Amino acid sequence: MSKLTADTQANLMLFVEETQRTQVVWGLKNEEDGWLACDSSEFENSEVMPFWSAKEDAEHHNVEEWADFDVVEIPLDVFVEDWLVTLSEDGVLVGTNWNAELEGKELEPAELAKLYL
């Protein structure tokens, strides 16, 4: 059962805590489009790439228009040291632990990286 709630700040902190404990981040990827990214609901003309701290929560979103994506594990060190740098360079926001209503924090990759210090 998901630990995610309507409190997006609490879900962000859960993301950081769980990924530090498990050393894994979860995302959605398919052969055709690559990693899932979508338009930001908070920032105009911005893309956001969602990630989850629990495989089950990522799987919950692996339906409907995202059904052709696979739930893929990313080692935390690779995520922090490589992904967050590249996403920042590309101007892509990070979405953390989106709940069942697709609500979650959207933040700059550098902001998320600071939470791991």
Protein backbone atom coordinates (compact mmCIF):
# COMPACT_ATOMS: atom_id res chain seq x y z
CA MET A 1 0.00 0.00 0.00
CA SER A 2 1.22 3.44 -0.91
CA LYS A 3 2.59 5.78 1.74
CA LEU A 4 1.86 8.79 -0.48
CA THR A 5 -0.71 11.36 0.62
CA ALA A 6 -2.14 14.67 -0.60
CA ASP A 7 0.70 16.44 1.25
CA THR A 8 3.21 16.97 -1.55
CA GLN A 9 5.90 18.32 0.80
CA ALA A 10 5.65 15.19 2.97
CA ASN A 11 5.83 13.05 -0.19
CA LEU A 12 9.00 14.90 -1.22
CA MET A 13 10.61 14.22 2.15
CA LEU A 14 9.50 10.56 1.93
CA PHE A 15 11.16 10.42 -1.50
CA VAL A 16 14.49 11.61 -0.09
CA GLU A 17 14.31 9.38 3.01
CA GLU A 18 13.28 6.21 1.16
CA THR A 19 15.76 6.63 -1.68
CA GLN A 20 18.57 7.20 0.81
CA ARG A 21 17.57 4.02 2.63
CA THR A 22 17.07 1.82 -0.47
CA GLN A 23 19.66 3.55 -2.71
CA VAL A 24 17.17 3.28 -5.61
CA VAL A 25 14.95 5.68 -7.57
CA TRP A 26 12.13 4.46 -9.87
CA GLY A 27 11.10 5.94 -13.20
CA LEU A 28 9.09 5.04 -16.29
CA LYS A 29 10.79 4.30 -19.61
CA ASN A 30 9.83 2.85 -22.97
CA GLU A 31 11.77 1.88 -26.07
CA GLU A 32 10.13 4.45 -28.33
CA ASP A 33 10.03 7.61 -26.24
CA GLY A 34 12.71 6.97 -23.64
CA TRP A 35 12.11 8.24 -20.12
CA LEU A 36 8.68 9.63 -19.30
CA ALA A 37 8.50 13.43 -19.25
CA CYS A 38 5.41 15.60 -19.43
CA ASP A 39 4.35 19.22 -19.25
CA SER A 40 4.65 20.82 -15.85
CA SER A 41 1.39 21.62 -14.09
CA GLU A 42 3.12 24.32 -12.02
CA PHE A 43 5.48 26.08 -14.42
CA GLU A 44 4.60 27.31 -17.90
CA ASN A 45 6.69 26.03 -20.81
CA SER A 46 8.50 23.53 -18.59
CA GLU A 47 8.90 19.79 -18.74
CA VAL A 48 8.95 17.58 -15.69
CA MET A 49 10.25 14.05 -15.33
CA PRO A 50 8.51 12.06 -12.57
CA PHE A 51 10.33 9.67 -10.22
CA TRP A 52 9.21 7.60 -7.24
CA SER A 53 10.88 6.20 -4.16
CA ALA A 54 8.87 2.95 -4.24
CA LYS A 55 8.43 0.58 -7.17
CA GLU A 56 4.76 0.07 -6.26
CA ASP A 57 4.02 3.79 -6.58
CA ALA A 58 5.71 3.93 -10.01
CA GLU A 59 3.72 0.85 -11.07
CA HIS A 60 0.49 2.60 -10.03
CA HIS A 61 1.11 5.12 -12.84
CA ASN A 62 2.07 2.47 -15.39
CA VAL A 63 -1.48 2.48 -16.82
CA GLU A 64 -3.61 4.11 -19.54
CA GLU A 65 -1.49 6.47 -21.65
CA TRP A 66 1.62 5.37 -19.76
CA ALA A 67 0.89 1.62 -20.01
CA ASP A 68 3.56 1.10 -22.67
CA PHE A 69 6.28 2.26 -20.26
CA ASP A 70 8.30 -0.06 -18.03
CA VAL A 71 9.07 0.63 -14.38
CA VAL A 72 12.86 0.97 -14.24
CA GLU A 73 15.27 1.15 -11.32
CA ILE A 74 17.98 3.82 -11.21
CA PRO A 75 20.78 3.57 -8.61
CA LEU A 76 20.65 6.60 -6.31
CA ASP A 77 24.29 7.56 -6.83
CA VAL A 78 23.79 7.61 -10.62
CA PHE A 79 20.56 9.58 -10.19
CA VAL A 80 22.16 12.26 -8.00
CA GLU A 81 25.56 12.49 -9.69
CA ASP A 82 24.49 12.11 -13.34
CA TRP A 83 20.76 12.48 -13.82
CA LEU A 84 20.23 15.61 -11.75
CA VAL A 85 23.14 17.33 -13.49
CA THR A 86 21.87 16.41 -16.97
CA LEU A 87 18.26 17.34 -16.16
CA SER A 88 19.45 20.70 -14.85
CA GLU A 89 21.47 21.33 -18.02
CA ASP A 90 18.40 20.39 -20.12
CA GLY A 91 16.08 22.62 -18.08
CA VAL A 92 13.87 19.70 -17.03
CA LEU A 93 12.20 19.72 -13.62
CA VAL A 94 12.04 16.70 -11.32
CA GLY A 95 8.67 15.43 -10.10
CA THR A 96 8.91 13.47 -6.86
CA ASN A 97 6.52 10.82 -5.58
CA TRP A 98 3.44 11.86 -7.55
CA ASN A 99 0.40 10.48 -5.79
CA ALA A 100 -2.62 8.76 -7.37
CA GLU A 101 -3.97 12.18 -8.48
CA LEU A 102 -0.65 13.00 -10.20
CA GLU A 103 0.07 15.60 -7.53
CA GLY A 104 3.62 16.04 -6.37
CA LYS A 105 6.42 18.51 -5.95
CA GLU A 106 8.04 19.77 -9.12
CA LEU A 107 11.45 21.23 -8.42
CA GLU A 108 14.73 22.18 -10.00
CA PRO A 109 17.19 19.27 -10.01
CA ALA A 110 19.69 21.34 -7.98
CA GLU A 111 17.06 21.87 -5.26
CA LEU A 112 16.56 18.11 -4.99
CA ALA A 113 20.33 17.48 -4.97
CA LYS A 114 20.68 19.83 -1.97
CA LEU A 115 18.28 17.63 0.01
CA TYR A 116 20.76 14.76 -0.28
CA LEU A 117 23.64 16.73 1.29
